[in-house]
């Protein structure tokens, strides 16, 4: 207990280290916030100018458009073929019923 009583803390050294620590934390916080803001602004600017897209992106876009058009054409052809088959089936059924009817 006597060792604790004999320990003296100098007020000037304590306040100076506290001041330096607070200043350092403030500078660090300001730098981190500034970096985050500038990083976001740079990302928005890069996207706006289109420099984040690869040079060959146009080729990928054209290929995807062609594939989508082919799929749509294939779906239309399948629908037309299905409709033709239904019409043929209806014709066959009507012929069969007309042949089955007594004359």
PDB file of N, CA and C in Angstrom:
ATOM      1  N   UNK A   1       0.813  -1.189   0.000  1.00  0.00           N
ATOM      2  CA  UNK A   1       0.000   0.000   0.000  1.00  0.00           C
ATOM      3  C   UNK A   1       0.857   1.253   0.000  1.00  0.00           C
ATOM      4  N   UNK A   2       2.003   1.202   0.657  1.00  0.00           N
ATOM      5  CA  UNK A   2       2.865   2.380   0.706  1.00  0.00           C
ATOM      6  C   UNK A   2       3.482   2.678  -0.655  1.00  0.00           C
ATOM      7  N   UNK A   3       3.649   1.651  -1.510  1.00  0.00           N
ATOM      8  CA  UNK A   3       4.212   1.868  -2.844  1.00  0.00           C
ATOM      9  C   UNK A   3       3.232   2.638  -3.709  1.00  0.00           C
ATOM     10  N   UNK A   4       1.937   2.390  -3.529  1.00  0.00           N
ATOM     11  CA  UNK A   4       0.936   3.111  -4.295  1.00  0.00           C
ATOM     12  C   UNK A   4       0.838   4.561  -3.870  1.00  0.00           C
ATOM     13  N   UNK A   5       1.044   4.797  -2.596  1.00  0.00           N
ATOM     14  CA  UNK A   5       0.958   6.162  -2.084  1.00  0.00           C
ATOM     15  C   UNK A   5       2.148   6.969  -2.562  1.00  0.00           C
ATOM     16  N   UNK A   6       3.315   6.342  -2.659  1.00  0.00           N
ATOM     17  CA  UNK A   6       4.525   7.043  -3.048  1.00  0.00           C
ATOM     18  C   UNK A   6       4.573   7.323  -4.546  1.00  0.00           C
ATOM     19  N   UNK A   7       3.742   6.613  -5.370  1.00  0.00           N
ATOM     20  CA  UNK A   7       3.752   6.840  -6.812  1.00  0.00           C
ATOM     21  C   UNK A   7       3.074   8.157  -7.123  1.00  0.00           C
ATOM     22  N   UNK A   8       3.764   8.991  -7.841  1.00  0.00           N
ATOM     23  CA  UNK A   8       3.180  10.257  -8.243  1.00  0.00           C
ATOM     24  C   UNK A   8       3.116  10.312  -9.767  1.00  0.00           C
ATOM     25  N   UNK A   9       2.015  10.810 -10.268  1.00  0.00           N
ATOM     26  CA  UNK A   9       1.861  10.973 -11.699  1.00  0.00           C
ATOM     27  C   UNK A   9       2.021  12.447 -12.009  1.00  0.00           C
ATOM     28  N   UNK A  10       2.918  12.715 -12.943  1.00  0.00           N
ATOM     29  CA  UNK A  10       3.109  14.108 -13.313  1.00  0.00           C
ATOM     30  C   UNK A  10       1.962  14.544 -14.205  1.00  0.00           C
ATOM     31  N   UNK A  11       1.258  15.605 -13.856  1.00  0.00           N
ATOM     32  CA  UNK A  11       0.100  16.033 -14.641  1.00  0.00           C
ATOM     33  C   UNK A  11       0.460  16.482 -16.049  1.00  0.00           C
ATOM     34  N   UNK A  12       1.608  17.098 -16.265  1.00  0.00           N
ATOM     35  CA  UNK A  12       1.981  17.579 -17.585  1.00  0.00           C
ATOM     36  C   UNK A  12       2.234  16.420 -18.543  1.00  0.00           C
ATOM     37  N   UNK A  13       2.912  15.379 -18.123  1.00  0.00           N
ATOM     38  CA  UNK A  13       3.216  14.234 -18.986  1.00  0.00           C
ATOM     39  C   UNK A  13       1.931  13.499 -19.346  1.00  0.00           C
ATOM     40  N   UNK A  14       1.049  13.371 -18.380  1.00  0.00           N
ATOM     41  CA  UNK A  14      -0.207  12.681 -18.622  1.00  0.00           C
ATOM     42  C   UNK A  14      -1.079  13.453 -19.608  1.00  0.00           C
ATOM     43  N   UNK A  15      -1.191  14.751 -19.443  1.00  0.00           N
ATOM     44  CA  UNK A  15      -2.037  15.542 -20.334  1.00  0.00           C
ATOM     45  C   UNK A  15      -1.426  15.625 -21.725  1.00  0.00           C
ATOM     46  N   UNK A  16      -0.089  15.638 -21.822  1.00  0.00           N
ATOM     47  CA  UNK A  16       0.557  15.704 -23.128  1.00  0.00           C
ATOM     48  C   UNK A  16       0.334  14.406 -23.900  1.00  0.00           C
ATOM     49  N   UNK A  17       0.467  13.258 -23.245  1.00  0.00           N
ATOM     50  CA  UNK A  17       0.261  11.989 -23.937  1.00  0.00           C
ATOM     51  C   UNK A  17      -1.209  11.823 -24.314  1.00  0.00           C
ATOM     52  N   UNK A  18      -2.109  12.316 -23.490  1.00  0.00           N
ATOM     53  CA  UNK A  18      -3.524  12.263 -23.791  1.00  0.00           C
ATOM     54  C   UNK A  18      -3.839  13.137 -25.011  1.00  0.00           C
ATOM     55  N   UNK A  19      -3.244  14.324 -25.061  1.00  0.00           N
ATOM     56  CA  UNK A  19      -3.455  15.249 -26.165  1.00  0.00           C
ATOM     57  C   UNK A  19      -2.926  14.667 -27.474  1.00  0.00           C
ATOM     58  N   UNK A  20      -1.754  14.051 -27.426  1.00  0.00           N
ATOM     59  CA  UNK A  20      -1.151  13.450 -28.616  1.00  0.00           C
ATOM     60  C   UNK A  20      -1.997  12.268 -29.090  1.00  0.00           C
ATOM     61  N   UNK A  21      -2.447  11.456 -28.161  1.00  0.00           N
ATOM     62  CA  UNK A  21      -3.273  10.308 -28.521  1.00  0.00           C
ATOM     63  C   UNK A  21      -4.595  10.720 -29.158  1.00  0.00           C
ATOM     64  N   UNK A  22      -5.234  11.738 -28.575  1.00  0.00           N
ATOM     65  CA  UNK A  22      -6.503  12.221 -29.128  1.00  0.00           C
ATOM     66  C   UNK A  22      -6.301  12.838 -30.504  1.00  0.00           C
ATOM     67  N   UNK A  23      -5.221  13.582 -30.665  1.00  0.00           N
ATOM     68  CA  UNK A  23      -4.931  14.199 -31.963  1.00  0.00           C
ATOM     69  C   UNK A  23      -4.673  13.117 -33.002  1.00  0.00           C
ATOM     70  N   UNK A  24      -3.900  12.108 -32.633  1.00  0.00           N
ATOM     71  CA  UNK A  24      -3.601  11.020 -33.552  1.00  0.00           C
ATOM     72  C   UNK A  24      -4.887  10.298 -33.969  1.00  0.00           C
ATOM     73  N   UNK A  25      -5.776  10.018 -33.036  1.00  0.00           N
ATOM     74  CA  UNK A  25      -7.036   9.363 -33.357  1.00  0.00           C
ATOM     75  C   UNK A  25      -7.899  10.231 -34.266  1.00  0.00           C
ATOM     76  N   UNK A  26      -7.894  11.541 -34.031  1.00  0.00           N
ATOM     77  CA  UNK A  26      -8.663  12.454 -34.870  1.00  0.00           C
ATOM     78  C   UNK A  26      -8.108  12.477 -36.297  1.00  0.00           C
ATOM     79  N   UNK A  27      -6.807  12.548 -36.434  1.00  0.00           N
ATOM     80  CA  UNK A  27      -6.173  12.541 -37.764  1.00  0.00           C
ATOM     81  C   UNK A  27      -6.443  11.221 -38.473  1.00  0.00           C
ATOM     82  N   UNK A  28      -6.317  10.127 -37.734  1.00  0.00           N
ATOM     83  CA  UNK A  28      -6.550   8.802 -38.319  1.00  0.00           C
ATOM     84  C   UNK A  28      -7.995   8.668 -38.792  1.00  0.00           C
ATOM     85  N   UNK A  29      -8.940   9.130 -37.989  1.00  0.00           N
ATOM     86  CA  UNK A  29     -10.354   9.071 -38.350  1.00  0.00           C
ATOM     87  C   UNK A  29     -10.635   9.935 -39.586  1.00  0.00           C
ATOM     88  N   UNK A  30     -10.085  11.148 -39.613  1.00  0.00           N
ATOM     89  CA  UNK A  30     -10.292  12.042 -40.754  1.00  0.00           C
ATOM     90  C   UNK A  30      -9.698  11.445 -42.026  1.00  0.00           C
ATOM     91  N   UNK A  31      -8.520  10.851 -41.930  1.00  0.00           N
ATOM     92  CA  UNK A  31      -7.877  10.249 -43.099  1.00  0.00           C
ATOM     93  C   UNK A  31      -8.675   9.048 -43.599  1.00  0.00           C
ATOM     94  N   UNK A  32      -9.173   8.240 -42.692  1.00  0.00           N
ATOM     95  CA  UNK A  32      -9.963   7.071 -43.083  1.00  0.00           C
ATOM     96  C   UNK A  32     -11.249   7.487 -43.771  1.00  0.00           C
ATOM     97  N   UNK A  33     -11.928   8.491 -43.220  1.00  0.00           N
ATOM     98  CA  UNK A  33     -13.172   8.981 -43.827  1.00  0.00           C
ATOM     99  C   UNK A  33     -12.898   9.594 -45.203  1.00  0.00           C
ATOM    100  N   UNK A  34     -11.831  10.378 -45.307  1.00  0.00           N
ATOM    101  CA  UNK A  34     -11.482  11.008 -46.580  1.00  0.00           C
ATOM    102  C   UNK A  34     -11.170   9.945 -47.624  1.00  0.00           C
ATOM    103  N   UNK A  35     -10.414   8.933 -47.245  1.00  0.00           N
ATOM    104  CA  UNK A  35     -10.091   7.857 -48.174  1.00  0.00           C
ATOM    105  C   UNK A  35     -11.364   7.155 -48.640  1.00  0.00           C
ATOM    106  N   UNK A  36     -12.271   6.850 -47.720  1.00  0.00           N
ATOM    107  CA  UNK A  36     -13.518   6.173 -48.087  1.00  0.00           C
ATOM    108  C   UNK A  36     -14.351   6.996 -49.052  1.00  0.00           C
ATOM    109  N   UNK A  37     -14.441   8.283 -48.809  1.00  0.00           N
ATOM    110  CA  UNK A  37     -15.219   9.167 -49.682  1.00  0.00           C
ATOM    111  C   UNK A  37     -14.584   9.233 -51.069  1.00  0.00           C
ATOM    112  N   UNK A  38     -13.274   9.415 -51.127  1.00  0.00           N
ATOM    113  CA  UNK A  38     -12.593   9.499 -52.417  1.00  0.00           C
ATOM    114  C   UNK A  38     -12.635   8.172 -53.167  1.00  0.00           C
ATOM    115  N   UNK A  39     -12.563   7.059 -52.447  1.00  0.00           N
ATOM    116  CA  UNK A  39     -12.644   5.746 -53.080  1.00  0.00           C
ATOM    117  C   UNK A  39     -14.023   5.563 -53.728  1.00  0.00           C
ATOM    118  N   UNK A  40     -15.075   5.937 -53.014  1.00  0.00           N
ATOM    119  CA  UNK A  40     -16.426   5.832 -53.564  1.00  0.00           C
ATOM    120  C   UNK A  40     -16.602   6.762 -54.762  1.00  0.00           C
ATOM    121  N   UNK A  41     -16.106   7.981 -54.644  1.00  0.00           N
ATOM    122  CA  UNK A  41     -16.224   8.934 -55.749  1.00  0.00           C
ATOM    123  C   UNK A  41     -15.476   8.417 -56.977  1.00  0.00           C
ATOM    124  N   UNK A  42     -14.315   7.824 -56.775  1.00  0.00           N
ATOM    125  CA  UNK A  42     -13.561   7.260 -57.889  1.00  0.00           C
ATOM    126  C   UNK A  42     -14.301   6.118 -58.555  1.00  0.00           C
ATOM    127  N   UNK A  43     -14.968   5.292 -57.754  1.00  0.00           N
ATOM    128  CA  UNK A  43     -15.754   4.194 -58.321  1.00  0.00           C
ATOM    129  C   UNK A  43     -16.911   4.698 -59.156  1.00  0.00           C
ATOM    130  N   UNK A  44     -17.619   5.705 -58.642  1.00  0.00           N
ATOM    131  CA  UNK A  44     -18.726   6.283 -59.408  1.00  0.00           C
ATOM    132  C   UNK A  44     -18.227   6.918 -60.703  1.00  0.00           C
ATOM    133  N   UNK A  45     -17.116   7.612 -60.621  1.00  0.00           N
ATOM    134  CA  UNK A  45     -16.551   8.257 -61.805  1.00  0.00           C
ATOM    135  C   UNK A  45     -16.110   7.218 -62.837  1.00  0.00           C
ATOM    136  N   UNK A  46     -15.467   6.157 -62.385  1.00  0.00           N
ATOM    137  CA  UNK A  46     -15.018   5.108 -63.301  1.00  0.00           C
ATOM    138  C   UNK A  46     -16.200   4.427 -63.977  1.00  0.00           C
ATOM    139  N   UNK A  47     -17.254   4.135 -63.211  1.00  0.00           N
ATOM    140  CA  UNK A  47     -18.444   3.525 -63.809  1.00  0.00           C
ATOM    141  C   UNK A  47     -19.118   4.483 -64.779  1.00  0.00           C
ATOM    142  N   UNK A  48     -19.162   5.753 -64.428  1.00  0.00           N
ATOM    143  CA  UNK A  48     -19.787   6.746 -65.297  1.00  0.00           C
ATOM    144  C   UNK A  48     -19.055   6.900 -66.610  1.00  0.00           C
ATOM    145  N   UNK A  49     -17.751   6.829 -66.573  1.00  0.00           N
ATOM    146  CA  UNK A  49     -16.960   6.955 -67.799  1.00  0.00           C
ATOM    147  C   UNK A  49     -16.862   5.636 -68.562  1.00  0.00           C
ATOM    148  N   UNK A  50     -17.266   4.559 -67.944  1.00  0.00           N
ATOM    149  CA  UNK A  50     -17.249   3.268 -68.610  1.00  0.00           C
ATOM    150  C   UNK A  50     -15.888   2.616 -68.685  1.00  0.00           C
ATOM    151  N   UNK A  51     -14.970   3.029 -67.835  1.00  0.00           N
ATOM    152  CA  UNK A  51     -13.624   2.457 -67.913  1.00  0.00           C
ATOM    153  C   UNK A  51     -13.492   1.177 -67.107  1.00  0.00           C
ATOM    154  N   UNK A  52     -14.569   0.742 -66.459  1.00  0.00           N
ATOM    155  CA  UNK A  52     -14.502  -0.513 -65.711  1.00  0.00           C
ATOM    156  C   UNK A  52     -14.903  -1.693 -66.584  1.00  0.00           C
ATOM    157  N   UNK A  53     -15.475  -1.420 -67.770  1.00  0.00           N
ATOM    158  CA  UNK A  53     -15.882  -2.492 -68.679  1.00  0.00           C
ATOM    159  C   UNK A  53     -14.678  -2.946 -69.492  1.00  0.00           C
ATOM    160  N   UNK A  54     -14.550  -4.239 -69.747  1.00  0.00           N
ATOM    161  CA  UNK A  54     -13.442  -4.708 -70.572  1.00  0.00           C
ATOM    162  C   UNK A  54     -13.608  -4.243 -72.027  1.00  0.00           C
ATOM    163  N   UNK A  55     -12.510  -4.184 -72.741  1.00  0.00           N
ATOM    164  CA  UNK A  55     -12.525  -3.721 -74.124  1.00  0.00           C
ATOM    165  C   UNK A  55     -13.368  -4.608 -75.024  1.00  0.00           C
ATOM    166  N   UNK A  56     -13.492  -5.876 -74.719  1.00  0.00           N
ATOM    167  CA  UNK A  56     -14.218  -6.817 -75.570  1.00  0.00           C
ATOM    168  C   UNK A  56     -15.639  -7.044 -75.097  1.00  0.00           C
ATOM    169  N   UNK A  57     -16.150  -6.186 -74.215  1.00  0.00           N
ATOM    170  CA  UNK A  57     -17.508  -6.356 -73.700  1.00  0.00           C
ATOM    171  C   UNK A  57     -18.547  -6.265 -74.816  1.00  0.00           C
ATOM    172  N   UNK A  58     -18.267  -5.442 -75.834  1.00  0.00           N
ATOM    173  CA  UNK A  58     -19.215  -5.326 -76.938  1.00  0.00           C
ATOM    174  C   UNK A  58     -19.414  -6.675 -77.624  1.00  0.00           C
ATOM    175  N   UNK A  59     -18.362  -7.458 -77.748  1.00  0.00           N
ATOM    176  CA  UNK A  59     -18.471  -8.777 -78.382  1.00  0.00           C
ATOM    177  C   UNK A  59     -19.326  -9.708 -77.520  1.00  0.00           C
ATOM    178  N   UNK A  60     -19.168  -9.641 -76.232  1.00  0.00           N
ATOM    179  CA  UNK A  60     -19.981 -10.459 -75.331  1.00  0.00           C
ATOM    180  C   UNK A  60     -21.445 -10.052 -75.435  1.00  0.00           C
ATOM    181  N   UNK A  61     -21.699  -8.740 -75.483  1.00  0.00           N
ATOM    182  CA  UNK A  61     -23.080  -8.254 -75.606  1.00  0.00           C
ATOM    183  C   UNK A  61     -23.720  -8.734 -76.904  1.00  0.00           C
ATOM    184  N   UNK A  62     -22.981  -8.669 -78.011  1.00  0.00           N
ATOM    185  CA  UNK A  62     -23.504  -9.121 -79.307  1.00  0.00           C
ATOM    186  C   UNK A  62     -23.803 -10.612 -79.261  1.00  0.00           C
ATOM    187  N   UNK A  63     -22.903 -11.394 -78.684  1.00  0.00           N
ATOM    188  CA  UNK A  63     -23.100 -12.841 -78.591  1.00  0.00           C
ATOM    189  C   UNK A  63     -24.340 -13.166 -77.761  1.00  0.00           C
ATOM    190  N   UNK A  64     -24.498 -12.481 -76.624  1.00  0.00           N
ATOM    191  CA  UNK A  64     -25.669 -12.727 -75.777  1.00  0.00           C
ATOM    192  C   UNK A  64     -26.956 -12.339 -76.490  1.00  0.00           C
ATOM    193  N   UNK A  65     -26.932 -11.237 -77.254  1.00  0.00           N
ATOM    194  CA  UNK A  65     -28.113 -10.839 -78.026  1.00  0.00           C
ATOM    195  C   UNK A  65     -28.454 -11.888 -79.078  1.00  0.00           C
ATOM    196  N   UNK A  66     -27.434 -12.410 -79.756  1.00  0.00           N
ATOM    197  CA  UNK A  66     -27.662 -13.441 -80.777  1.00  0.00           C
ATOM    198  C   UNK A  66     -28.255 -14.695 -80.154  1.00  0.00           C
ATOM    199  N   UNK A  67     -27.735 -15.110 -79.014  1.00  0.00           N
ATOM    200  CA  UNK A  67     -28.256 -16.302 -78.348  1.00  0.00           C
ATOM    201  C   UNK A  67     -29.706 -16.091 -77.915  1.00  0.00           C
ATOM    202  N   UNK A  68     -30.014 -14.906 -77.395  1.00  0.00           N
ATOM    203  CA  UNK A  68     -31.376 -14.611 -76.969  1.00  0.00           C
ATOM    204  C   UNK A  68     -32.328 -14.629 -78.170  1.00  0.00           C
ATOM    205  N   UNK A  69     -31.899 -14.047 -79.304  1.00  0.00           N
ATOM    206  CA  UNK A  69     -32.730 -14.050 -80.502  1.00  0.00           C
ATOM    207  C   UNK A  69     -32.948 -15.472 -81.017  1.00  0.00           C
ATOM    208  N   UNK A  70     -31.896 -16.293 -80.980  1.00  0.00           N
ATOM    209  CA  UNK A  70     -32.031 -17.687 -81.414  1.00  0.00           C
ATOM    210  C   UNK A  70     -33.024 -18.431 -80.533  1.00  0.00           C
ATOM    211  N   UNK A  71     -32.956 -18.209 -79.239  1.00  0.00           N
ATOM    212  CA  UNK A  71     -33.893 -18.855 -78.317  1.00  0.00           C
ATOM    213  C   UNK A  71     -35.326 -18.420 -78.605  1.00  0.00           C
ATOM    214  N   UNK A  72     -35.524 -17.127 -78.868  1.00  0.00           N
ATOM    215  CA  UNK A  72     -36.862 -16.639 -79.181  1.00  0.00           C
ATOM    216  C   UNK A  72     -37.380 -17.241 -80.484  1.00  0.00           C
ATOM    217  N   UNK A  73     -36.509 -17.312 -81.506  1.00  0.00           N
ATOM    218  CA  UNK A  73     -36.912 -17.909 -82.783  1.00  0.00           C
ATOM    219  C   UNK A  73     -37.252 -19.384 -82.602  1.00  0.00           C
ATOM    220  N   UNK A  74     -36.438 -20.090 -81.828  1.00  0.00           N
ATOM    221  CA  UNK A  74     -36.683 -21.510 -81.587  1.00  0.00           C
ATOM    222  C   UNK A  74     -38.024 -21.702 -80.877  1.00  0.00           C
ATOM    223  N   UNK A  75     -38.314 -20.843 -79.913  1.00  0.00           N
ATOM    224  CA  UNK A  75     -39.586 -20.939 -79.186  1.00  0.00           C
ATOM    225  C   UNK A  75     -40.761 -20.664 -80.126  1.00  0.00           C
ATOM    226  N   UNK A  76     -40.620 -19.679 -81.023  1.00  0.00           N
ATOM    227  CA  UNK A  76     -41.679 -19.386 -81.983  1.00  0.00           C
ATOM    228  C   UNK A  76     -41.886 -20.545 -82.960  1.00  0.00           C
ATOM    229  N   UNK A  77     -40.787 -21.139 -83.419  1.00  0.00           N
ATOM    230  CA  UNK A  77     -40.890 -22.279 -84.329  1.00  0.00           C
ATOM    231  C   UNK A  77     -41.560 -23.468 -83.649  1.00  0.00           C
ATOM    232  N   UNK A  78     -41.196 -23.717 -82.402  1.00  0.00           N
ATOM    233  CA  UNK A  78     -41.818 -24.820 -81.667  1.00  0.00           C
ATOM    234  C   UNK A  78     -43.312 -24.579 -81.487  1.00  0.00           C
ATOM    235  N   UNK A  79     -43.679 -23.345 -81.213  1.00  0.00           N
ATOM    236  CA  UNK A  79     -45.092 -23.014 -81.047  1.00  0.00           C
ATOM    237  C   UNK A  79     -45.841 -23.185 -82.371  1.00  0.00           C
ATOM    238  N   UNK A  80     -45.233 -22.763 -83.474  1.00  0.00           N
ATOM    239  CA  UNK A  80     -45.871 -22.916 -84.784  1.00  0.00           C
ATOM    240  C   UNK A  80     -46.021 -24.402 -85.125  1.00  0.00           C
ATOM    241  N   UNK A  81     -45.013 -25.199 -84.851  1.00  0.00           N
ATOM    242  CA  UNK A  81     -45.074 -26.636 -85.116  1.00  0.00           C
ATOM    243  C   UNK A  81     -46.147 -27.291 -84.246  1.00  0.00           C
ATOM    244  N   UNK A  82     -46.227 -26.894 -83.000  1.00  0.00           N
ATOM    245  CA  UNK A  82     -47.243 -27.424 -82.105  1.00  0.00           C
ATOM    246  C   UNK A  82     -48.645 -27.070 -82.628  1.00  0.00           C
ATOM    247  N   UNK A  83     -48.809 -25.842 -83.114  1.00  0.00           N
ATOM    248  CA  UNK A  83     -50.100 -25.422 -83.650  1.00  0.00           C
ATOM    249  C   UNK A  83     -50.448 -26.209 -84.915  1.00  0.00           C
ATOM    250  N   UNK A  84     -49.464 -26.464 -85.776  1.00  0.00           N
ATOM    251  CA  UNK A  84     -49.695 -27.266 -86.983  1.00  0.00           C
ATOM    252  C   UNK A  84     -50.130 -28.680 -86.613  1.00  0.00           C
ATOM    253  N   UNK A  85     -49.467 -29.251 -85.635  1.00  0.00           N
ATOM    254  CA  UNK A  85     -49.828 -30.601 -85.210  1.00  0.00           C
ATOM    255  C   UNK A  85     -51.246 -30.643 -84.646  1.00  0.00           C
ATOM    256  N   UNK A  86     -51.621 -29.622 -83.881  1.00  0.00           N
ATOM    257  CA  UNK A  86     -52.983 -29.568 -83.353  1.00  0.00           C
ATOM    258  C   UNK A  86     -54.001 -29.437 -84.485  1.00  0.00           C
ATOM    259  N   UNK A  87     -53.697 -28.626 -85.498  1.00  0.00           N
ATOM    260  CA  UNK A  87     -54.599 -28.471 -86.635  1.00  0.00           C
ATOM    261  C   UNK A  87     -54.748 -29.789 -87.403  1.00  0.00           C
ATOM    262  N   UNK A  88     -53.628 -30.491 -87.591  1.00  0.00           N
ATOM    263  CA  UNK A  88     -53.687 -31.787 -88.279  1.00  0.00           C
ATOM    264  C   UNK A  88     -54.523 -32.788 -87.492  1.00  0.00           C
ATOM    265  N   UNK A  89     -54.341 -32.788 -86.187  1.00  0.00           N
ATOM    266  CA  UNK A  89     -55.101 -33.691 -85.338  1.00  0.00           C
ATOM    267  C   UNK A  89     -56.594 -33.368 -85.423  1.00  0.00           C
ATOM    268  N   UNK A  90     -56.927 -32.091 -85.403  1.00  0.00           N
ATOM    269  CA  UNK A  90     -58.332 -31.699 -85.548  1.00  0.00           C
ATOM    270  C   UNK A  90     -58.889 -32.134 -86.906  1.00  0.00           C
ATOM    271  N   UNK A  91     -58.103 -31.973 -87.976  1.00  0.00           N
ATOM    272  CA  UNK A  91     -58.549 -32.384 -89.316  1.00  0.00           C
ATOM    273  C   UNK A  91     -58.786 -33.892 -89.377  1.00  0.00           C
ATOM    274  N   UNK A  92     -57.853 -34.646 -88.779  1.00  0.00           N
ATOM    275  CA  UNK A  92     -58.007 -36.102 -88.786  1.00  0.00           C
ATOM    276  C   UNK A  92     -59.246 -36.526 -87.998  1.00  0.00           C
ATOM    277  N   UNK A  93     -59.467 -35.881 -86.864  1.00  0.00           N
ATOM    278  CA  UNK A  93     -60.643 -36.217 -86.062  1.00  0.00           C
ATOM    279  C   UNK A  93     -61.937 -35.861 -86.797  1.00  0.00           C
ATOM    280  N   UNK A  94     -61.932 -34.733 -87.487  1.00  0.00           N
ATOM    281  CA  UNK A  94     -63.137 -34.349 -88.221  1.00  0.00           C
ATOM    282  C   UNK A  94     -63.373 -35.295 -89.408  1.00  0.00           C
ATOM    283  N   UNK A  95     -62.318 -35.753 -90.059  1.00  0.00           N
ATOM    284  CA  UNK A  95     -62.459 -36.720 -91.154  1.00  0.00           C
ATOM    285  C   UNK A  95     -62.980 -38.050 -90.623  1.00  0.00           C
ATOM    286  N   UNK A  96     -62.468 -38.449 -89.478  1.00  0.00           N
ATOM    287  CA  UNK A  96     -62.891 -39.717 -88.902  1.00  0.00           C
ATOM    288  C   UNK A  96     -64.362 -39.667 -88.502  1.00  0.00           C
ATOM    289  N   UNK A  97     -64.789 -38.538 -87.906  1.00  0.00           N
ATOM    290  CA  UNK A  97     -66.203 -38.421 -87.515  1.00  0.00           C
ATOM    291  C   UNK A  97     -67.108 -38.332 -88.725  1.00  0.00           C
ATOM    292  N   UNK A  98     -66.627 -37.710 -89.802  1.00  0.00           N
ATOM    293  CA  UNK A  98     -67.460 -37.635 -91.008  1.00  0.00           C
ATOM    294  C   UNK A  98     -67.556 -38.993 -91.684  1.00  0.00           C
ATOM    295  N   UNK A  99     -66.515 -39.825 -91.585  1.00  0.00           N
ATOM    296  CA  UNK A  99     -66.573 -41.155 -92.177  1.00  0.00           C
ATOM    297  C   UNK A  99     -67.428 -42.097 -91.323  1.00  0.00           C
ATOM    298  N   UNK A 100     -67.441 -41.872 -90.014  1.00  0.00           N
ATOM    299  CA  UNK A 100     -68.224 -42.721 -89.119  1.00  0.00           C
ATOM    300  C   UNK A 100     -69.712 -42.420 -89.192  1.00  0.00           C
ATOM    301  N   UNK A 101     -70.096 -41.234 -89.631  1.00  0.00           N
ATOM    302  CA  UNK A 101     -71.506 -40.867 -89.707  1.00  0.00           C
ATOM    303  C   UNK A 101     -72.188 -41.643 -90.827  1.00  0.00           C
ATOM    304  N   UNK A 102     -73.413 -42.124 -90.601  1.00  0.00           N
ATOM    305  CA  UNK A 102     -74.115 -42.848 -91.654  1.00  0.00           C
ATOM    306  C   UNK A 102     -74.595 -41.877 -92.737  1.00  0.00           C
ATOM    307  N   UNK A 103     -74.553 -42.340 -93.945  1.00  0.00           N
ATOM    308  CA  UNK A 103     -74.916 -41.475 -95.062  1.00  0.00           C
ATOM    309  C   UNK A 103     -76.275 -41.746 -95.556  1.00  0.00           C
TER     310      UNK A 103
END
